[in-house]
Amino acid sequence: MDPSAAVKEVAAELEKQAKECRVDTVDQVLDKIEEIMNKAKAGPGDMIEKLAAAFEEFNGKIEKAINDPAALSNAGGPMVACASWYATEVAGKLKELVAEVTEISKVVHDKVAEAAKPLSQVATALEEAMKGMEGSAKKLAKLPKEVQDLATTIKGPADLAKVDMGPISGCLDLSPLTGSLTKIDGLKSVLGPVISAVSATLAGVAEFLMSLAEKLIGAFQVPSPLCFLTPMVMSQAPPLLAELLEKVKALQKIDVQPVVEGMKMISDTIGNFDAKAVSVPLEKLAVDAKASIGKLDEAVSAAKLSTKNPMGRMFGK
């Protein structure tokens, strides 16, 4: 048989076997594992630092104003006589808001710090697992394509004789696979609760940021018994309120949603991981492909003999 045709025949057999074994589903699982590995490595990124810095700047602006009552009141008309009382009331509400922001900032920091070690463990374990599968699961899954590509380079016995069957035959050895899959499976107990806590905290932050402008405006409204004066007072609110509302807009631009979604993806992927979804298709392909790889090995051996003995007729030359 023509050397190129022999390799193409093996490639066609492997492709058919891979389809029957649904090896494409293995690729999907491994791609998802690789994606969450990168997300676990990145963690929340610099989002937490940005959030903390913005919270600190916001609180600093308020605390400075609290020490300057004139900045808290721009009262005129009927409010002139009670400007001091109004400024004191606003300062009290702003202090409560500062305390709330400080608490939220601390909770976020603590929860993320708590998740840092498990996330690092997950990233390391996934990286080790993926390395373990590089030479087994991934290589076997790519074998049909590899042999197809090989067929395009074979023009005669001399080309086929150069093929190194070691790596190709080695694809059928799935012994490293079990350890890698066990590593991934073992992460379920490490990660779930911590990721859930971080996600819930960040979701709470997003909700708080959406309500922060309203809370801030509420702090400048006139309390009882003079609440009926609120529309007039708010129409001539001190410049501080506008400045603080700009700070709120800056805080709201720090999007925590990608981190929340990333944490959820990590948790869901690990939590729903099924080792058999990887092992069963690959183990079946390894068994089914053995004869085809054996056929390719024989063709390579025959090509080597043919090139050593030009008078041979193994390939009809």
Protein backbone atom coordinates (compact mmCIF):
# COMPACT_ATOMS: atom_id res chain seq x y z
CA MET A 1 0.00 0.00 0.00
CA ASP A 2 1.09 3.55 -0.72
CA PRO A 3 2.66 4.97 2.51
CA SER A 4 0.49 8.11 2.47
CA ALA A 5 -2.66 6.03 1.92
CA ALA A 6 -1.70 3.76 4.82
CA VAL A 7 -1.44 6.73 7.20
CA LYS A 8 -4.66 8.27 5.87
CA GLU A 9 -6.46 4.98 6.48
CA VAL A 10 -5.29 4.95 10.10
CA ALA A 11 -6.25 8.63 10.49
CA ALA A 12 -9.76 7.89 9.19
CA GLU A 13 -10.11 4.98 11.61
CA LEU A 14 -8.99 7.13 14.55
CA GLU A 15 -11.34 9.94 13.59
CA LYS A 16 -14.27 7.53 13.42
CA GLN A 17 -13.33 5.98 16.76
CA ALA A 18 -13.00 9.42 18.39
CA LYS A 19 -16.49 10.39 17.18
CA GLU A 20 -17.97 7.13 18.43
CA CYS A 21 -16.32 7.70 21.83
CA ARG A 22 -17.52 11.34 21.97
CA VAL A 23 -14.00 12.63 22.62
CA ASP A 24 -15.17 16.11 21.64
CA THR A 25 -16.97 16.29 25.01
CA VAL A 26 -13.63 15.70 26.76
CA ASP A 27 -12.15 18.73 25.00
CA GLN A 28 -15.05 20.84 26.23
CA VAL A 29 -14.53 19.72 29.83
CA LEU A 30 -10.77 20.31 29.70
CA ASP A 31 -11.22 23.74 28.09
CA LYS A 32 -13.56 24.72 30.93
CA ILE A 33 -11.08 23.43 33.53
CA GLU A 34 -8.32 25.48 31.92
CA GLU A 35 -10.56 28.55 31.92
CA ILE A 36 -11.37 28.32 35.63
CA MET A 37 -7.71 27.58 36.40
CA ASN A 38 -6.82 30.97 34.89
CA LYS A 39 -9.66 32.64 36.79
CA ALA A 40 -8.50 31.07 40.06
CA LYS A 41 -4.96 32.30 39.38
CA ALA A 42 -6.21 35.82 38.75
CA GLY A 43 -8.55 35.83 41.75
CA PRO A 44 -10.44 39.11 42.17
CA GLY A 45 -7.49 40.91 40.54
CA ASP A 46 -7.05 44.55 41.49
CA MET A 47 -10.79 45.14 41.87
CA ILE A 48 -10.65 44.83 45.68
CA GLU A 49 -7.78 47.33 45.93
CA LYS A 50 -9.66 49.77 43.69
CA LEU A 51 -12.81 49.37 45.75
CA ALA A 52 -10.96 49.84 49.05
CA ALA A 53 -9.18 52.96 47.77
CA ALA A 54 -12.44 54.46 46.48
CA PHE A 55 -14.24 53.72 49.77
CA GLU A 56 -11.37 55.30 51.70
CA GLU A 57 -11.44 58.41 49.52
CA PHE A 58 -15.22 58.68 49.90
CA ASN A 59 -15.04 58.36 53.69
CA GLY A 60 -12.12 60.79 53.88
CA LYS A 61 -14.14 63.42 52.04
CA ILE A 62 -17.06 62.99 54.47
CA GLU A 63 -14.88 62.99 57.60
CA LYS A 64 -13.22 66.20 56.50
CA ALA A 65 -16.64 67.81 56.00
CA ILE A 66 -17.90 66.60 59.39
CA ASN A 67 -15.13 68.65 60.98
CA ASP A 68 -16.23 71.69 58.98
CA PRO A 69 -19.93 72.37 59.77
CA ALA A 70 -20.06 75.19 57.22
CA ALA A 71 -19.52 72.61 54.45
CA LEU A 72 -22.61 70.70 55.58
CA SER A 73 -25.10 73.54 55.31
CA ASN A 74 -25.87 76.05 52.65
CA ALA A 75 -29.01 77.09 54.47
CA GLY A 76 -30.76 80.31 53.71
CA GLY A 77 -34.21 81.75 54.33
CA PRO A 78 -36.09 80.03 57.19
CA MET A 79 -33.16 77.64 57.77
CA VAL A 80 -30.66 80.37 58.66
CA ALA A 81 -31.68 80.34 62.31
CA CYS A 82 -31.22 76.60 62.61
CA ALA A 83 -28.19 76.10 60.36
CA SER A 84 -26.12 74.77 63.25
CA TRP A 85 -28.81 72.25 64.22
CA TYR A 86 -29.16 71.13 60.58
CA ALA A 87 -25.38 70.72 60.17
CA THR A 88 -25.25 68.62 63.35
CA GLU A 89 -28.09 66.39 62.09
CA VAL A 90 -26.39 65.94 58.70
CA ALA A 91 -23.07 65.17 60.40
CA GLY A 92 -24.74 62.47 62.49
CA LYS A 93 -26.23 60.77 59.44
CA LEU A 94 -22.96 61.03 57.53
CA LYS A 95 -21.10 59.42 60.45
CA GLU A 96 -23.53 56.49 60.24
CA LEU A 97 -22.89 56.25 56.50
CA VAL A 98 -19.11 56.32 57.05
CA ALA A 99 -19.47 53.49 59.58
CA GLU A 100 -21.53 51.48 57.08
CA VAL A 101 -19.00 52.00 54.28
CA THR A 102 -16.13 51.09 56.62
CA GLU A 103 -17.88 47.89 57.69
CA ILE A 104 -18.62 46.84 54.11
CA SER A 105 -15.04 47.56 53.06
CA LYS A 106 -13.75 45.44 55.97
CA VAL A 107 -16.10 42.55 55.20
CA VAL A 108 -15.03 42.52 51.55
CA HIS A 109 -11.35 42.58 52.52
CA ASP A 110 -11.80 39.79 55.09
CA LYS A 111 -13.84 37.54 52.80
CA VAL A 112 -11.43 37.93 49.90
CA ALA A 113 -8.44 37.33 52.20
CA GLU A 114 -10.22 34.22 53.49
CA ALA A 115 -10.68 32.98 49.92
CA ALA A 116 -7.11 33.75 48.81
CA LYS A 117 -5.57 30.52 50.14
CA PRO A 118 -8.26 28.15 48.78
CA LEU A 119 -8.15 29.92 45.41
CA SER A 120 -4.38 29.54 45.33
CA GLN A 121 -4.74 25.85 46.21
CA VAL A 122 -7.30 25.43 43.44
CA ALA A 123 -5.10 27.18 40.87
CA THR A 124 -2.08 25.04 41.84
CA ALA A 125 -4.06 21.79 41.88
CA LEU A 126 -5.67 22.53 38.52
CA GLU A 127 -2.33 23.49 36.99
CA GLU A 128 -0.78 20.22 38.21
CA ALA A 129 -3.81 18.27 36.98
CA MET A 130 -3.67 19.90 33.55
CA LYS A 131 0.06 19.21 33.27
CA GLY A 132 -0.65 15.58 34.14
CA MET A 133 -3.23 15.42 31.37
CA GLU A 134 -1.09 17.14 28.74
CA GLY A 135 0.70 13.90 27.94
CA SER A 136 -2.35 11.67 28.34
CA ALA A 137 -5.89 13.02 28.01
CA LYS A 138 -5.13 16.00 25.80
CA LYS A 139 -2.65 14.13 23.62
CA LEU A 140 -4.98 11.19 23.06
CA ALA A 141 -7.89 13.52 22.29
CA LYS A 142 -5.76 15.25 19.65
CA LEU A 143 -4.35 12.01 18.21
CA PRO A 144 -6.77 11.69 15.24
CA LYS A 145 -5.92 15.23 14.10
CA GLU A 146 -2.21 14.59 14.68
CA VAL A 147 -2.27 11.50 12.44
CA GLN A 148 -4.31 13.37 9.81
CA ASP A 149 -1.69 16.11 9.75
CA LEU A 150 1.03 13.48 9.59
CA ALA A 151 -0.58 11.93 6.50
CA THR A 152 -0.17 15.19 4.57
CA THR A 153 3.61 15.06 5.09
CA ILE A 154 4.09 11.49 3.85
CA LYS A 155 5.13 11.36 0.21
CA GLY A 156 6.94 8.04 0.22
CA PRO A 157 8.57 5.30 2.34
CA ALA A 158 11.46 7.60 3.36
CA ASP A 159 9.03 10.06 4.97
CA LEU A 160 7.12 7.33 6.77
CA ALA A 161 10.36 5.77 8.01
CA LYS A 162 11.19 9.00 9.86
CA VAL A 163 8.01 8.88 11.97
CA ASP A 164 8.72 8.46 15.69
CA MET A 165 6.09 6.07 16.99
CA GLY A 166 7.12 6.54 20.64
CA PRO A 167 4.98 9.64 21.32
CA ILE A 168 2.11 8.31 19.21
CA SER A 169 1.99 4.95 20.99
CA GLY A 170 2.49 6.78 24.29
CA CYS A 171 -0.85 8.53 23.80
CA LEU A 172 -2.57 5.26 24.66
CA ASP A 173 -1.05 5.27 28.16
CA LEU A 174 -3.65 6.90 30.39
CA SER A 175 -2.02 5.97 33.70
CA PRO A 176 -1.38 9.65 34.68
CA LEU A 177 -5.04 10.46 34.08
CA THR A 178 -6.46 8.96 37.28
CA GLY A 179 -4.28 11.08 39.56
CA SER A 180 -5.15 14.26 37.66
CA LEU A 181 -8.88 13.60 37.80
CA THR A 182 -8.71 12.73 41.51
CA LYS A 183 -6.95 16.07 42.14
CA ILE A 184 -9.76 18.00 40.48
CA ASP A 185 -12.47 15.96 42.19
CA GLY A 186 -10.87 16.62 45.58
CA LEU A 187 -11.29 20.38 45.20
CA LYS A 188 -15.05 20.19 45.77
CA SER A 189 -14.66 20.14 49.55
CA VAL A 190 -12.05 22.93 49.53
CA LEU A 191 -13.83 25.53 47.49
CA GLY A 192 -17.62 25.58 47.64
CA PRO A 193 -18.41 27.41 50.91
CA VAL A 194 -15.59 29.97 50.54
CA ILE A 195 -16.53 30.93 46.98
CA SER A 196 -20.19 31.21 47.96
CA ALA A 197 -19.28 33.58 50.80
CA VAL A 198 -17.15 35.81 48.55
CA SER A 199 -19.81 35.87 45.82
CA ALA A 200 -22.54 36.77 48.33
CA THR A 201 -20.36 39.53 49.81
CA LEU A 202 -19.57 41.06 46.42
CA ALA A 203 -23.22 40.83 45.38
CA GLY A 204 -24.04 42.71 48.60
CA VAL A 205 -21.46 45.37 47.71
CA ALA A 206 -23.04 45.85 44.28
CA GLU A 207 -26.44 46.27 45.90
CA PHE A 208 -25.03 48.74 48.46
CA LEU A 209 -23.38 50.83 45.74
CA MET A 210 -26.68 51.07 43.89
CA SER A 211 -28.35 52.47 47.03
CA LEU A 212 -25.47 54.71 48.14
CA ALA A 213 -26.59 57.85 46.29
CA GLU A 214 -30.04 57.58 47.84
CA LYS A 215 -28.53 57.13 51.32
CA LEU A 216 -26.30 60.15 50.75
CA ILE A 217 -29.15 62.38 49.62
CA GLY A 218 -31.17 61.15 52.60
CA ALA A 219 -28.42 62.36 54.94
CA PHE A 220 -28.92 65.94 53.70
CA GLN A 221 -32.69 65.93 54.01
CA VAL A 222 -34.16 68.00 56.84
CA PRO A 223 -35.26 65.82 59.76
CA SER A 224 -38.49 66.16 61.72
CA PRO A 225 -40.03 68.48 62.82
CA LEU A 226 -38.78 70.67 59.93
CA CYS A 227 -38.91 68.00 57.22
CA PHE A 228 -41.39 70.14 55.24
CA LEU A 229 -38.42 72.41 54.48
CA THR A 230 -36.53 69.61 52.69
CA PRO A 231 -37.47 70.64 49.09
CA MET A 232 -36.23 74.17 49.68
CA VAL A 233 -33.03 73.04 51.42
CA MET A 234 -32.24 70.42 48.77
CA SER A 235 -32.70 73.01 46.03
CA GLN A 236 -29.77 74.90 47.54
CA ALA A 237 -27.81 71.93 48.88
CA PRO A 238 -24.15 72.57 49.74
CA PRO A 239 -21.54 71.84 47.02
CA LEU A 240 -20.34 68.95 49.20
CA LEU A 241 -23.39 66.87 48.25
CA ALA A 242 -22.67 67.19 44.52
CA GLU A 243 -19.00 66.34 45.14
CA LEU A 244 -19.93 63.25 47.16
CA LEU A 245 -22.42 62.13 44.51
CA GLU A 246 -19.57 62.27 41.97
CA LYS A 247 -17.56 60.00 44.29
CA VAL A 248 -20.52 57.62 44.35
CA LYS A 249 -20.54 57.53 40.53
CA ALA A 250 -16.83 56.66 40.60
CA LEU A 251 -17.54 53.84 43.06
CA GLN A 252 -20.35 52.51 40.89
CA LYS A 253 -17.99 52.32 37.91
CA ILE A 254 -15.98 49.66 39.78
CA ASP A 255 -17.81 46.66 38.37
CA VAL A 256 -17.79 43.73 40.80
CA GLN A 257 -20.04 41.61 38.58
CA PRO A 258 -17.25 40.01 36.48
CA VAL A 259 -15.58 38.83 39.69
CA VAL A 260 -18.88 37.49 41.05
CA GLU A 261 -19.50 35.63 37.78
CA GLY A 262 -15.91 34.34 37.72
CA MET A 263 -16.20 32.99 41.27
CA LYS A 264 -19.52 31.35 40.40
CA MET A 265 -18.01 29.74 37.31
CA ILE A 266 -15.16 28.28 39.37
CA SER A 267 -17.54 26.99 42.02
CA ASP A 268 -20.05 25.54 39.54
CA THR A 269 -17.42 23.89 37.33
CA ILE A 270 -15.66 22.21 40.25
CA GLY A 271 -18.93 21.36 42.01
CA ASN A 272 -20.40 19.71 38.91
CA PHE A 273 -17.16 18.09 37.75
CA ASP A 274 -17.65 14.46 36.71
CA ALA A 275 -14.37 12.57 36.33
CA LYS A 276 -16.11 9.90 34.25
CA ALA A 277 -16.98 12.49 31.61
CA VAL A 278 -13.25 12.58 30.89
CA SER A 279 -12.07 9.07 31.73
CA VAL A 280 -14.78 6.94 30.06
CA PRO A 281 -14.50 8.36 26.49
CA LEU A 282 -10.69 8.38 26.62
CA GLU A 283 -10.37 4.87 28.04
CA LYS A 284 -12.69 3.57 25.31
CA LEU A 285 -10.71 5.40 22.62
CA ALA A 286 -7.43 4.03 23.99
CA VAL A 287 -8.78 0.49 23.63
CA ASP A 288 -10.37 1.07 20.22
CA ALA A 289 -7.33 2.89 18.82
CA LYS A 290 -4.82 0.22 19.86
CA ALA A 291 -5.26 -1.84 16.68
CA SER A 292 -5.11 1.25 14.44
CA ILE A 293 -1.92 2.49 16.09
CA GLY A 294 -0.53 -1.04 15.75
CA LYS A 295 -1.29 -0.90 12.03
CA LEU A 296 0.55 2.43 11.77
CA ASP A 297 3.48 1.02 13.70
CA GLU A 298 3.71 -1.90 11.27
CA ALA A 299 3.64 0.49 8.30
CA VAL A 300 6.45 2.58 9.81
CA SER A 301 8.53 -0.55 10.50
CA ALA A 302 7.95 -1.74 6.94
CA ALA A 303 8.98 1.66 5.59
CA LYS A 304 12.20 1.53 7.60
CA LEU A 305 13.00 -1.91 6.20
CA SER A 306 12.17 -0.72 2.70
CA THR A 307 14.51 2.25 2.92
CA LYS A 308 17.29 0.02 4.21
CA ASN A 309 16.64 -2.48 1.41
CA PRO A 310 15.81 -0.55 -1.80
CA MET A 311 15.22 -3.83 -3.61
CA GLY A 312 12.30 -4.61 -1.30
CA ARG A 313 8.81 -4.74 -2.72
CA MET A 314 6.85 -3.96 0.42
CA PHE A 315 5.34 -0.81 -1.03
CA GLY A 316 5.17 -2.03 -4.59
CA LYS A 317 8.31 -0.13 -5.63
